[in-house]
């Protein structure tokens, strides 16, 4: 049995065959919606309580998480367009931008969580 290249084998070369499975899209949306809602509640709660460092860090952490959620939300349609090969020549930077937004905001969130942990430890050790 000879193995034919994909160009000669008519199976699997259609761009309509390459798409994100529906459960992946639904799971992504079901994760993104509650995250957005909870982070908006956290930002609103700590917006008026900006008198200490912990409140400021909680608020900034939630804002970073909101930006990460927007990056993840932007990745789904971009990935769908990449898989269907519908990206125009000038739009090839879109996957990189969505990945960059998500990566930077997640790393900033992790950094602020580390700083928040140190601040909370200092508050516990010397409360006065």
C-alpha atoms as a PDB file:
ATOM      1  CA  UNK A   1       0.000   0.000   0.000  1.00  0.00           C
ATOM      2  CA  UNK A   2       1.511   3.280  -1.087  1.00  0.00           C
ATOM      3  CA  UNK A   3       1.006   6.353   1.054  1.00  0.00           C
ATOM      4  CA  UNK A   4      -0.077   9.315  -1.020  1.00  0.00           C
ATOM      5  CA  UNK A   5       0.657  12.931  -0.095  1.00  0.00           C
ATOM      6  CA  UNK A   6      -2.284  15.018   1.075  1.00  0.00           C
ATOM      7  CA  UNK A   7      -2.329  16.939  -2.210  1.00  0.00           C
ATOM      8  CA  UNK A   8      -3.068  13.733  -4.113  1.00  0.00           C
ATOM      9  CA  UNK A   9      -5.249  12.206  -1.434  1.00  0.00           C
ATOM     10  CA  UNK A  10      -8.543  14.083  -1.493  1.00  0.00           C
ATOM     11  CA  UNK A  11      -9.286  13.331   2.165  1.00  0.00           C
ATOM     12  CA  UNK A  12      -8.696  15.995   4.795  1.00  0.00           C
ATOM     13  CA  UNK A  13      -7.644  18.862   2.541  1.00  0.00           C
ATOM     14  CA  UNK A  14     -10.907  20.777   2.572  1.00  0.00           C
ATOM     15  CA  UNK A  15     -10.788  23.943   4.610  1.00  0.00           C
ATOM     16  CA  UNK A  16     -14.348  23.210   5.750  1.00  0.00           C
ATOM     17  CA  UNK A  17     -13.061  20.066   7.508  1.00  0.00           C
ATOM     18  CA  UNK A  18     -10.678  22.116   9.634  1.00  0.00           C
ATOM     19  CA  UNK A  19     -12.713  23.837  12.293  1.00  0.00           C
ATOM     20  CA  UNK A  20     -12.813  24.051  16.047  1.00  0.00           C
ATOM     21  CA  UNK A  21     -15.105  21.421  17.547  1.00  0.00           C
ATOM     22  CA  UNK A  22     -18.304  22.822  19.013  1.00  0.00           C
ATOM     23  CA  UNK A  23     -17.609  21.512  22.555  1.00  0.00           C
ATOM     24  CA  UNK A  24     -14.362  23.507  22.606  1.00  0.00           C
ATOM     25  CA  UNK A  25     -16.164  26.716  21.653  1.00  0.00           C
ATOM     26  CA  UNK A  26     -18.953  26.098  24.173  1.00  0.00           C
ATOM     27  CA  UNK A  27     -16.480  25.262  26.962  1.00  0.00           C
ATOM     28  CA  UNK A  28     -14.483  28.393  26.169  1.00  0.00           C
ATOM     29  CA  UNK A  29     -17.590  30.579  26.367  1.00  0.00           C
ATOM     30  CA  UNK A  30     -18.795  28.875  29.559  1.00  0.00           C
ATOM     31  CA  UNK A  31     -15.428  29.601  31.191  1.00  0.00           C
ATOM     32  CA  UNK A  32     -15.098  33.168  29.884  1.00  0.00           C
ATOM     33  CA  UNK A  33     -18.525  34.478  30.898  1.00  0.00           C
ATOM     34  CA  UNK A  34     -18.312  33.734  34.657  1.00  0.00           C
ATOM     35  CA  UNK A  35     -14.695  34.928  34.759  1.00  0.00           C
ATOM     36  CA  UNK A  36     -15.700  38.234  33.217  1.00  0.00           C
ATOM     37  CA  UNK A  37     -18.617  38.665  35.606  1.00  0.00           C
ATOM     38  CA  UNK A  38     -16.609  37.796  38.728  1.00  0.00           C
ATOM     39  CA  UNK A  39     -13.689  40.039  37.755  1.00  0.00           C
ATOM     40  CA  UNK A  40     -16.072  42.949  37.078  1.00  0.00           C
ATOM     41  CA  UNK A  41     -17.572  42.458  40.545  1.00  0.00           C
ATOM     42  CA  UNK A  42     -14.095  42.413  42.118  1.00  0.00           C
ATOM     43  CA  UNK A  43     -13.013  45.559  40.275  1.00  0.00           C
ATOM     44  CA  UNK A  44     -16.195  47.357  41.293  1.00  0.00           C
ATOM     45  CA  UNK A  45     -15.844  46.276  44.933  1.00  0.00           C
ATOM     46  CA  UNK A  46     -12.221  47.371  45.292  1.00  0.00           C
ATOM     47  CA  UNK A  47     -12.597  50.546  43.218  1.00  0.00           C
ATOM     48  CA  UNK A  48     -13.704  52.611  46.214  1.00  0.00           C
ATOM     49  CA  UNK A  49     -11.400  50.867  48.698  1.00  0.00           C
ATOM     50  CA  UNK A  50      -8.077  52.032  47.311  1.00  0.00           C
ATOM     51  CA  UNK A  51      -6.635  53.164  50.634  1.00  0.00           C
ATOM     52  CA  UNK A  52      -4.194  50.267  51.129  1.00  0.00           C
ATOM     53  CA  UNK A  53      -1.819  48.314  48.909  1.00  0.00           C
ATOM     54  CA  UNK A  54      -3.731  45.036  49.086  1.00  0.00           C
ATOM     55  CA  UNK A  55      -6.912  46.594  47.689  1.00  0.00           C
ATOM     56  CA  UNK A  56      -4.976  48.203  44.858  1.00  0.00           C
ATOM     57  CA  UNK A  57      -3.315  44.880  44.033  1.00  0.00           C
ATOM     58  CA  UNK A  58      -6.636  43.009  44.088  1.00  0.00           C
ATOM     59  CA  UNK A  59      -8.129  45.578  41.712  1.00  0.00           C
ATOM     60  CA  UNK A  60      -5.142  45.509  39.338  1.00  0.00           C
ATOM     61  CA  UNK A  61      -5.083  41.724  39.409  1.00  0.00           C
ATOM     62  CA  UNK A  62      -8.739  41.621  38.391  1.00  0.00           C
ATOM     63  CA  UNK A  63      -8.072  44.084  35.585  1.00  0.00           C
ATOM     64  CA  UNK A  64      -5.226  41.862  34.322  1.00  0.00           C
ATOM     65  CA  UNK A  65      -7.548  38.872  34.461  1.00  0.00           C
ATOM     66  CA  UNK A  66     -10.175  40.801  32.485  1.00  0.00           C
ATOM     67  CA  UNK A  67      -7.581  41.602  29.832  1.00  0.00           C
ATOM     68  CA  UNK A  68      -6.575  37.924  29.752  1.00  0.00           C
ATOM     69  CA  UNK A  69     -10.217  36.941  29.290  1.00  0.00           C
ATOM     70  CA  UNK A  70     -10.496  39.363  26.372  1.00  0.00           C
ATOM     71  CA  UNK A  71      -7.350  37.834  24.894  1.00  0.00           C
ATOM     72  CA  UNK A  72      -8.795  34.333  25.218  1.00  0.00           C
ATOM     73  CA  UNK A  73     -12.079  35.551  23.763  1.00  0.00           C
ATOM     74  CA  UNK A  74     -10.218  37.032  20.811  1.00  0.00           C
ATOM     75  CA  UNK A  75      -8.275  33.798  20.207  1.00  0.00           C
ATOM     76  CA  UNK A  76     -11.329  31.693  19.341  1.00  0.00           C
ATOM     77  CA  UNK A  77     -12.491  33.638  16.252  1.00  0.00           C
ATOM     78  CA  UNK A  78      -8.899  34.208  15.163  1.00  0.00           C
ATOM     79  CA  UNK A  79      -8.167  30.488  15.418  1.00  0.00           C
ATOM     80  CA  UNK A  80     -11.331  29.694  13.482  1.00  0.00           C
ATOM     81  CA  UNK A  81     -10.239  32.057  10.704  1.00  0.00           C
ATOM     82  CA  UNK A  82      -6.728  30.592  10.670  1.00  0.00           C
ATOM     83  CA  UNK A  83      -8.083  27.052  10.410  1.00  0.00           C
ATOM     84  CA  UNK A  84     -10.387  28.035   7.553  1.00  0.00           C
ATOM     85  CA  UNK A  85      -7.568  30.025   5.911  1.00  0.00           C
ATOM     86  CA  UNK A  86      -9.720  33.160   5.725  1.00  0.00           C
ATOM     87  CA  UNK A  87      -7.121  35.562   7.093  1.00  0.00           C
ATOM     88  CA  UNK A  88      -6.172  38.262   4.642  1.00  0.00           C
ATOM     89  CA  UNK A  89      -2.529  39.013   3.917  1.00  0.00           C
ATOM     90  CA  UNK A  90      -2.423  42.026   6.244  1.00  0.00           C
ATOM     91  CA  UNK A  91      -4.172  40.246   9.125  1.00  0.00           C
ATOM     92  CA  UNK A  92      -1.546  37.583   9.860  1.00  0.00           C
ATOM     93  CA  UNK A  93      -0.448  39.527  12.958  1.00  0.00           C
ATOM     94  CA  UNK A  94      -3.823  38.998  14.679  1.00  0.00           C
ATOM     95  CA  UNK A  95      -2.967  35.581  16.226  1.00  0.00           C
ATOM     96  CA  UNK A  96       0.288  37.014  17.546  1.00  0.00           C
ATOM     97  CA  UNK A  97      -1.455  40.025  19.082  1.00  0.00           C
ATOM     98  CA  UNK A  98      -4.090  37.891  20.819  1.00  0.00           C
ATOM     99  CA  UNK A  99      -1.401  35.531  22.120  1.00  0.00           C
ATOM    100  CA  UNK A 100       0.728  38.459  23.306  1.00  0.00           C
ATOM    101  CA  UNK A 101      -2.198  40.123  25.120  1.00  0.00           C
ATOM    102  CA  UNK A 102      -3.060  36.886  26.894  1.00  0.00           C
ATOM    103  CA  UNK A 103       0.525  36.026  27.802  1.00  0.00           C
ATOM    104  CA  UNK A 104       1.448  39.443  29.169  1.00  0.00           C
ATOM    105  CA  UNK A 105      -1.738  39.812  31.205  1.00  0.00           C
ATOM    106  CA  UNK A 106      -1.445  36.308  32.688  1.00  0.00           C
ATOM    107  CA  UNK A 107       2.182  36.919  33.661  1.00  0.00           C
ATOM    108  CA  UNK A 108       1.302  40.266  35.227  1.00  0.00           C
ATOM    109  CA  UNK A 109      -1.504  38.581  37.147  1.00  0.00           C
ATOM    110  CA  UNK A 110       0.894  35.932  38.462  1.00  0.00           C
ATOM    111  CA  UNK A 111       3.412  38.609  39.453  1.00  0.00           C
ATOM    112  CA  UNK A 112       0.752  40.640  41.290  1.00  0.00           C
ATOM    113  CA  UNK A 113      -0.451  37.510  43.078  1.00  0.00           C
ATOM    114  CA  UNK A 114       3.116  36.931  44.287  1.00  0.00           C
ATOM    115  CA  UNK A 115       3.391  40.540  45.499  1.00  0.00           C
ATOM    116  CA  UNK A 116      -0.011  40.245  47.146  1.00  0.00           C
ATOM    117  CA  UNK A 117       1.103  37.095  48.954  1.00  0.00           C
ATOM    118  CA  UNK A 118       4.172  38.907  50.281  1.00  0.00           C
ATOM    119  CA  UNK A 119       2.086  41.906  51.376  1.00  0.00           C
ATOM    120  CA  UNK A 120      -0.411  39.651  53.151  1.00  0.00           C
ATOM    121  CA  UNK A 121       2.418  37.749  54.902  1.00  0.00           C
ATOM    122  CA  UNK A 122       3.925  41.017  56.095  1.00  0.00           C
ATOM    123  CA  UNK A 123       0.495  42.116  57.381  1.00  0.00           C
ATOM    124  CA  UNK A 124       0.083  38.833  59.287  1.00  0.00           C
ATOM    125  CA  UNK A 125       3.569  38.859  60.772  1.00  0.00           C
ATOM    126  CA  UNK A 126       3.483  42.497  61.880  1.00  0.00           C
ATOM    127  CA  UNK A 127      -0.156  43.599  62.064  1.00  0.00           C
ATOM    128  CA  UNK A 128       0.505  46.903  63.838  1.00  0.00           C
END
